[in-house]
């Protein structure tokens, strides 16, 4: 919770459900764990674009939201657009 408050992510909590239920893109990716260097974790990355400002939701294999971000630009989103593209809204 400190992470959410410290980075002021509470201001867009209400968008999380919409990003999960109506994403513009969903990517499947294996990412390294910060706590264990020898372990990779599977994530689904949900991306929703709001007036050229993407919101990114990382959901682990167990279905837990690991993190979410409201980015300032489309360019910042590229670091999350990795792995296998599972779904793209046309």
Protein backbone atom coordinates (compact mmCIF):
# COMPACT_ATOMS: atom_id res chain seq x y z
CA UNK A 1 0.00 0.00 0.00
CA UNK A 2 2.93 2.36 0.67
CA UNK A 3 3.95 1.96 -2.98
CA UNK A 4 0.47 3.01 -4.14
CA UNK A 5 0.34 6.06 -1.87
CA UNK A 6 3.97 7.07 -2.40
CA UNK A 7 3.65 7.06 -6.18
CA UNK A 8 0.15 8.61 -6.10
CA UNK A 9 -1.43 5.66 -7.89
CA UNK A 10 -4.59 5.93 -5.80
CA UNK A 11 -5.78 8.68 -8.17
CA UNK A 12 -6.61 6.17 -10.88
CA UNK A 13 -7.80 3.11 -8.93
CA UNK A 14 -11.18 3.45 -10.61
CA UNK A 15 -9.57 2.78 -14.02
CA UNK A 16 -8.13 -0.62 -13.04
CA UNK A 17 -11.36 -2.56 -13.57
CA UNK A 18 -11.89 -0.98 -17.00
CA UNK A 19 -8.31 -1.75 -18.05
CA UNK A 20 -8.77 -5.39 -17.01
CA UNK A 21 -12.22 -5.86 -18.59
CA UNK A 22 -11.72 -3.73 -21.74
CA UNK A 23 -8.01 -3.64 -22.62
CA UNK A 24 -6.77 -2.34 -25.95
CA UNK A 25 -3.89 -4.85 -25.84
CA UNK A 26 -2.96 -7.91 -23.79
CA UNK A 27 0.62 -9.23 -23.80
CA UNK A 28 1.99 -12.43 -22.24
CA UNK A 29 5.53 -12.13 -20.92
CA UNK A 30 8.03 -13.81 -18.61
CA UNK A 31 9.79 -11.27 -16.41
CA UNK A 32 12.56 -11.66 -13.89
CA UNK A 33 11.66 -11.43 -10.23
CA UNK A 34 13.13 -8.54 -8.23
CA UNK A 35 13.18 -10.61 -5.05
CA UNK A 36 14.74 -13.73 -6.61
CA UNK A 37 17.25 -13.28 -9.40
CA UNK A 38 17.01 -16.94 -10.48
CA UNK A 39 13.23 -16.90 -10.91
CA UNK A 40 11.10 -15.68 -13.81
CA UNK A 41 7.41 -15.03 -13.42
CA UNK A 42 4.64 -15.12 -16.02
CA UNK A 43 2.55 -11.97 -16.38
CA UNK A 44 -0.30 -10.80 -18.53
CA UNK A 45 0.13 -7.12 -19.34
CA UNK A 46 -3.13 -5.26 -19.97
CA UNK A 47 -2.86 -1.91 -21.72
CA UNK A 48 -5.62 0.67 -22.15
CA UNK A 49 -5.07 3.95 -24.00
CA UNK A 50 -6.73 7.09 -22.66
CA UNK A 51 -6.18 10.15 -24.84
CA UNK A 52 -2.64 8.96 -25.72
CA UNK A 53 -1.81 8.26 -22.06
CA UNK A 54 -1.65 4.51 -21.51
CA UNK A 55 -2.58 2.71 -18.31
CA UNK A 56 -0.72 -0.57 -17.78
CA UNK A 57 -1.87 -3.38 -15.49
CA UNK A 58 0.46 -6.30 -14.68
CA UNK A 59 -1.35 -9.47 -13.56
CA UNK A 60 0.59 -12.53 -12.42
CA UNK A 61 -0.25 -16.16 -13.21
CA UNK A 62 -2.29 -16.48 -10.01
CA UNK A 63 -4.51 -13.58 -11.16
CA UNK A 64 -3.14 -11.07 -8.66
CA UNK A 65 -2.54 -7.51 -9.81
CA UNK A 66 1.19 -7.06 -9.32
CA UNK A 67 1.40 -3.42 -10.36
CA UNK A 68 -0.21 -0.73 -12.43
CA UNK A 69 1.02 2.43 -14.02
CA UNK A 70 -0.43 5.52 -15.65
CA UNK A 71 2.21 6.58 -18.13
CA UNK A 72 2.89 10.04 -19.53
CA UNK A 73 3.45 9.03 -23.15
CA UNK A 74 3.04 6.29 -25.72
CA UNK A 75 6.82 5.92 -25.87
CA UNK A 76 6.94 4.84 -22.23
CA UNK A 77 4.49 2.07 -23.05
CA UNK A 78 6.96 0.28 -25.32
CA UNK A 79 8.79 -1.29 -22.38
CA UNK A 80 5.57 -3.16 -21.52
CA UNK A 81 4.76 -4.25 -25.07
CA UNK A 82 6.94 -7.36 -24.94
CA UNK A 83 6.40 -11.09 -25.29
CA UNK A 84 3.45 -12.55 -27.14
CA UNK A 85 0.55 -10.34 -28.21
CA UNK A 86 -2.55 -12.22 -27.04
CA UNK A 87 -5.21 -9.70 -27.97
CA UNK A 88 -5.48 -6.32 -29.67
CA UNK A 89 -8.66 -4.31 -30.03
CA UNK A 90 -9.12 -3.20 -33.62
